[in-house]
Amino acid sequence: MAALVRPWLGGEGLGAYLVPDTPWVSLYLEALEAQEDPKAVLAFLLELSSLGEALAFMVLNEEDLLFARAEGGELKALFAQGEEVEPQAFGLDEALSLALKAPPVAAVMRAAGVLGLHPDHAALGFLDLLETDEEGGLPEGVLYLEGEG
């Protein structure tokens, strides 16, 4: 996974947090947060899905939501709503559709639960991890990949 992630790490001082949550691994790329670009998130998701099923959650301005699921380099489900993303939805089952009808952060956490991912890991945020890291180190099992530069 590290070899796949490295090209996406971005410039100096940017990296990625990996949080194992069997059967999932949550991945948080600082460079993608900095860009706030839904198209970049989808491009990375499609590449990452070469390893297996992959999910992406993105909340912008606490009002816009992007959820996507991909497998084998192909987008299988997408939900987008808000001003910063093109509104659309396809490939969602009833449980996911209901979960995604909440305000964006709550929707992420509900959708994660539907998919068997710990809700806190789906709502993973750089500021939370940075603060934890500065206060005494990352929680056990959390890995940090540093960007080159």
C-alpha atoms as a PDB file:
ATOM      1  CA  MET A   1       0.000   0.000   0.000  1.00  0.00           C
ATOM      2  CA  ALA A   2       2.847   2.388   0.795  1.00  0.00           C
ATOM      3  CA  ALA A   3       4.129   2.193  -2.802  1.00  0.00           C
ATOM      4  CA  LEU A   4       0.680   3.125  -4.106  1.00  0.00           C
ATOM      5  CA  VAL A   5       0.277   6.001  -1.641  1.00  0.00           C
ATOM      6  CA  ARG A   6       3.717   7.646  -1.997  1.00  0.00           C
ATOM      7  CA  PRO A   7       3.053   9.433  -5.334  1.00  0.00           C
ATOM      8  CA  TRP A   8      -0.020  11.056  -3.759  1.00  0.00           C
ATOM      9  CA  LEU A   9       1.707  12.338  -0.616  1.00  0.00           C
ATOM     10  CA  GLY A  10       2.341  15.815  -1.951  1.00  0.00           C
ATOM     11  CA  GLY A  11       5.063  18.263  -1.035  1.00  0.00           C
ATOM     12  CA  GLU A  12       7.362  18.682   1.880  1.00  0.00           C
ATOM     13  CA  GLY A  13       5.758  18.298   5.257  1.00  0.00           C
ATOM     14  CA  LEU A  14       2.740  16.400   3.946  1.00  0.00           C
ATOM     15  CA  GLY A  15       2.118  12.740   4.553  1.00  0.00           C
ATOM     16  CA  ALA A  16      -0.522  10.103   5.151  1.00  0.00           C
ATOM     17  CA  TYR A  17      -2.023   8.495   8.218  1.00  0.00           C
ATOM     18  CA  LEU A  18      -2.998   4.823   8.040  1.00  0.00           C
ATOM     19  CA  VAL A  19      -5.375   3.466  10.685  1.00  0.00           C
ATOM     20  CA  PRO A  20      -5.920  -0.313  10.626  1.00  0.00           C
ATOM     21  CA  ASP A  21      -9.551  -1.235  11.355  1.00  0.00           C
ATOM     22  CA  THR A  22      -9.973  -4.845  10.216  1.00  0.00           C
ATOM     23  CA  PRO A  23     -11.193  -5.601   7.602  1.00  0.00           C
ATOM     24  CA  TRP A  24     -10.613  -1.956   6.549  1.00  0.00           C
ATOM     25  CA  VAL A  25      -7.632   0.374   6.650  1.00  0.00           C
ATOM     26  CA  SER A  26      -8.491   4.064   6.961  1.00  0.00           C
ATOM     27  CA  LEU A  27      -6.160   6.301   4.997  1.00  0.00           C
ATOM     28  CA  TYR A  28      -5.959  10.052   5.414  1.00  0.00           C
ATOM     29  CA  LEU A  29      -3.860  11.995   2.902  1.00  0.00           C
ATOM     30  CA  GLU A  30      -2.875  15.496   3.978  1.00  0.00           C
ATOM     31  CA  ALA A  31      -2.286  16.568   0.368  1.00  0.00           C
ATOM     32  CA  LEU A  32      -5.836  15.657  -0.654  1.00  0.00           C
ATOM     33  CA  GLU A  33      -7.227  17.617   2.277  1.00  0.00           C
ATOM     34  CA  ALA A  34      -5.144  20.634   1.292  1.00  0.00           C
ATOM     35  CA  GLN A  35      -6.431  20.475  -2.297  1.00  0.00           C
ATOM     36  CA  GLU A  36     -10.107  20.092  -1.347  1.00  0.00           C
ATOM     37  CA  ASP A  37     -10.635  18.671  -4.840  1.00  0.00           C
ATOM     38  CA  PRO A  38     -13.340  16.000  -5.186  1.00  0.00           C
ATOM     39  CA  LYS A  39     -11.944  14.946  -8.588  1.00  0.00           C
ATOM     40  CA  ALA A  40      -8.523  14.289  -7.031  1.00  0.00           C
ATOM     41  CA  VAL A  41     -10.166  12.242  -4.263  1.00  0.00           C
ATOM     42  CA  LEU A  42     -12.012  10.145  -6.852  1.00  0.00           C
ATOM     43  CA  ALA A  43      -8.851   9.658  -8.931  1.00  0.00           C
ATOM     44  CA  PHE A  44      -6.970   8.408  -5.861  1.00  0.00           C
ATOM     45  CA  LEU A  45      -9.897   6.175  -4.877  1.00  0.00           C
ATOM     46  CA  LEU A  46      -9.937   4.527  -8.304  1.00  0.00           C
ATOM     47  CA  GLU A  47      -6.198   3.865  -8.128  1.00  0.00           C
ATOM     48  CA  LEU A  48      -6.419   2.562  -4.561  1.00  0.00           C
ATOM     49  CA  SER A  49      -9.279   0.241  -5.540  1.00  0.00           C
ATOM     50  CA  SER A  50      -6.798  -1.870  -7.504  1.00  0.00           C
ATOM     51  CA  LEU A  51      -6.020  -3.393  -4.067  1.00  0.00           C
ATOM     52  CA  GLY A  52      -9.679  -4.239  -3.375  1.00  0.00           C
ATOM     53  CA  GLU A  53     -12.847  -2.446  -2.314  1.00  0.00           C
ATOM     54  CA  ALA A  54     -12.146   1.179  -1.407  1.00  0.00           C
ATOM     55  CA  LEU A  55     -14.321   3.939   0.028  1.00  0.00           C
ATOM     56  CA  ALA A  56     -13.910   7.694   0.080  1.00  0.00           C
ATOM     57  CA  PHE A  57     -15.622  10.193   2.343  1.00  0.00           C
ATOM     58  CA  MET A  58     -15.103  13.928   1.924  1.00  0.00           C
ATOM     59  CA  VAL A  59     -16.862  16.768   3.742  1.00  0.00           C
ATOM     60  CA  LEU A  60     -16.235  20.335   2.582  1.00  0.00           C
ATOM     61  CA  ASN A  61     -17.274  23.419   4.543  1.00  0.00           C
ATOM     62  CA  GLU A  62     -19.289  21.163   6.867  1.00  0.00           C
ATOM     63  CA  GLU A  63     -22.069  21.311   4.246  1.00  0.00           C
ATOM     64  CA  ASP A  64     -20.920  19.394   1.160  1.00  0.00           C
ATOM     65  CA  LEU A  65     -20.580  15.626   1.106  1.00  0.00           C
ATOM     66  CA  LEU A  66     -18.882  13.204  -1.254  1.00  0.00           C
ATOM     67  CA  PHE A  67     -19.125   9.443  -0.717  1.00  0.00           C
ATOM     68  CA  ALA A  68     -17.768   6.975  -3.248  1.00  0.00           C
ATOM     69  CA  ARG A  69     -17.089   3.234  -3.415  1.00  0.00           C
ATOM     70  CA  ALA A  70     -14.806   1.674  -5.999  1.00  0.00           C
ATOM     71  CA  GLU A  71     -13.421  -1.758  -6.761  1.00  0.00           C
ATOM     72  CA  GLY A  72     -11.036  -2.945  -9.448  1.00  0.00           C
ATOM     73  CA  GLY A  73     -10.473   0.591 -10.709  1.00  0.00           C
ATOM     74  CA  GLU A  74     -14.196   1.135 -11.335  1.00  0.00           C
ATOM     75  CA  LEU A  75     -16.598   3.448  -9.517  1.00  0.00           C
ATOM     76  CA  LYS A  76     -19.420   1.319  -8.065  1.00  0.00           C
ATOM     77  CA  ALA A  77     -21.359   3.885  -5.994  1.00  0.00           C
ATOM     78  CA  LEU A  78     -21.381   7.650  -5.654  1.00  0.00           C
ATOM     79  CA  PHE A  79     -23.259  10.186  -3.587  1.00  0.00           C
ATOM     80  CA  ALA A  80     -22.491  13.897  -3.842  1.00  0.00           C
ATOM     81  CA  GLN A  81     -24.451  16.866  -2.573  1.00  0.00           C
ATOM     82  CA  GLY A  82     -23.676  20.510  -1.939  1.00  0.00           C
ATOM     83  CA  GLU A  83     -22.306  23.555  -3.691  1.00  0.00           C
ATOM     84  CA  GLU A  84     -18.695  22.375  -4.075  1.00  0.00           C
ATOM     85  CA  VAL A  85     -19.554  19.005  -5.658  1.00  0.00           C
ATOM     86  CA  GLU A  86     -21.737  18.082  -8.614  1.00  0.00           C
ATOM     87  CA  PRO A  87     -24.919  16.637  -7.044  1.00  0.00           C
ATOM     88  CA  GLN A  88     -25.414  12.997  -8.072  1.00  0.00           C
ATOM     89  CA  ALA A  89     -26.124   9.544  -6.706  1.00  0.00           C
ATOM     90  CA  PHE A  90     -25.940   5.985  -8.045  1.00  0.00           C
ATOM     91  CA  GLY A  91     -25.192   2.458  -6.853  1.00  0.00           C
ATOM     92  CA  LEU A  92     -26.475   2.971  -3.296  1.00  0.00           C
ATOM     93  CA  ASP A  93     -28.501   0.349  -1.483  1.00  0.00           C
ATOM     94  CA  GLU A  94     -31.361   1.383   0.803  1.00  0.00           C
ATOM     95  CA  ALA A  95     -29.279   1.361   4.015  1.00  0.00           C
ATOM     96  CA  LEU A  96     -26.601   3.630   2.512  1.00  0.00           C
ATOM     97  CA  SER A  97     -29.209   5.939   0.996  1.00  0.00           C
ATOM     98  CA  LEU A  98     -30.829   6.391   4.398  1.00  0.00           C
ATOM     99  CA  ALA A  99     -27.486   6.903   6.139  1.00  0.00           C
ATOM    100  CA  LEU A 100     -26.419   9.589   3.683  1.00  0.00           C
ATOM    101  CA  LYS A 101     -29.567  11.683   4.242  1.00  0.00           C
ATOM    102  CA  ALA A 102     -28.145  13.146   7.467  1.00  0.00           C
ATOM    103  CA  PRO A 103     -25.999  16.297   7.763  1.00  0.00           C
ATOM    104  CA  PRO A 104     -22.584  15.563   6.146  1.00  0.00           C
ATOM    105  CA  VAL A 105     -20.452  14.576   9.177  1.00  0.00           C
ATOM    106  CA  ALA A 106     -23.270  12.501  10.676  1.00  0.00           C
ATOM    107  CA  ALA A 107     -23.886  10.954   7.236  1.00  0.00           C
ATOM    108  CA  VAL A 108     -20.236   9.864   7.022  1.00  0.00           C
ATOM    109  CA  MET A 109     -20.405   8.241  10.434  1.00  0.00           C
ATOM    110  CA  ARG A 110     -23.728   6.513   9.703  1.00  0.00           C
ATOM    111  CA  ALA A 111     -22.563   5.245   6.312  1.00  0.00           C
ATOM    112  CA  ALA A 112     -19.388   3.923   7.912  1.00  0.00           C
ATOM    113  CA  GLY A 113     -21.450   1.923  10.375  1.00  0.00           C
ATOM    114  CA  VAL A 114     -23.517   0.448   7.541  1.00  0.00           C
ATOM    115  CA  LEU A 115     -20.285  -0.620   5.825  1.00  0.00           C
ATOM    116  CA  GLY A 116     -18.639  -2.119   8.925  1.00  0.00           C
ATOM    117  CA  LEU A 117     -16.083   0.668   9.385  1.00  0.00           C
ATOM    118  CA  HIS A 118     -15.647   2.319  12.775  1.00  0.00           C
ATOM    119  CA  PRO A 119     -17.446   5.681  12.472  1.00  0.00           C
ATOM    120  CA  ASP A 120     -14.565   7.617  14.051  1.00  0.00           C
ATOM    121  CA  HIS A 121     -12.164   6.183  11.476  1.00  0.00           C
ATOM    122  CA  ALA A 122     -14.380   7.297   8.611  1.00  0.00           C
ATOM    123  CA  ALA A 123     -14.587  10.817  10.051  1.00  0.00           C
ATOM    124  CA  LEU A 124     -10.842  10.827  10.534  1.00  0.00           C
ATOM    125  CA  GLY A 125      -9.479  14.335  10.387  1.00  0.00           C
ATOM    126  CA  PHE A 126      -5.950  15.621  10.091  1.00  0.00           C
ATOM    127  CA  LEU A 127      -6.384  18.147  12.887  1.00  0.00           C
ATOM    128  CA  ASP A 128      -7.506  15.392  15.271  1.00  0.00           C
ATOM    129  CA  LEU A 129      -4.485  13.241  14.433  1.00  0.00           C
ATOM    130  CA  LEU A 130      -2.073  16.193  14.475  1.00  0.00           C
ATOM    131  CA  GLU A 131      -3.334  17.253  17.887  1.00  0.00           C
ATOM    132  CA  THR A 132      -3.052  13.686  19.217  1.00  0.00           C
ATOM    133  CA  ASP A 133       0.457  13.375  17.759  1.00  0.00           C
ATOM    134  CA  GLU A 134       1.578  16.654  19.347  1.00  0.00           C
ATOM    135  CA  GLU A 135       0.105  15.752  22.743  1.00  0.00           C
ATOM    136  CA  GLY A 136       1.961  12.504  23.151  1.00  0.00           C
ATOM    137  CA  GLY A 137       2.220  10.453  20.023  1.00  0.00           C
ATOM    138  CA  LEU A 138      -0.150   8.671  17.731  1.00  0.00           C
ATOM    139  CA  PRO A 139      -2.392   5.942  19.084  1.00  0.00           C
ATOM    140  CA  GLU A 140      -0.963   2.430  18.856  1.00  0.00           C
ATOM    141  CA  GLY A 141      -1.393   0.957  15.402  1.00  0.00           C
ATOM    142  CA  VAL A 142      -1.633   4.306  13.582  1.00  0.00           C
ATOM    143  CA  LEU A 143       1.096   4.643  10.964  1.00  0.00           C
ATOM    144  CA  TYR A 144       2.375   7.854   9.411  1.00  0.00           C
ATOM    145  CA  LEU A 145       4.045   7.924   5.981  1.00  0.00           C
ATOM    146  CA  GLU A 146       6.072  11.048   5.367  1.00  0.00           C
ATOM    147  CA  GLY A 147       6.225  12.732   1.997  1.00  0.00           C
ATOM    148  CA  GLU A 148       9.562  13.259   0.344  1.00  0.00           C
ATOM    149  CA  GLY A 149      11.002  16.678  -0.024  1.00  0.00           C
END
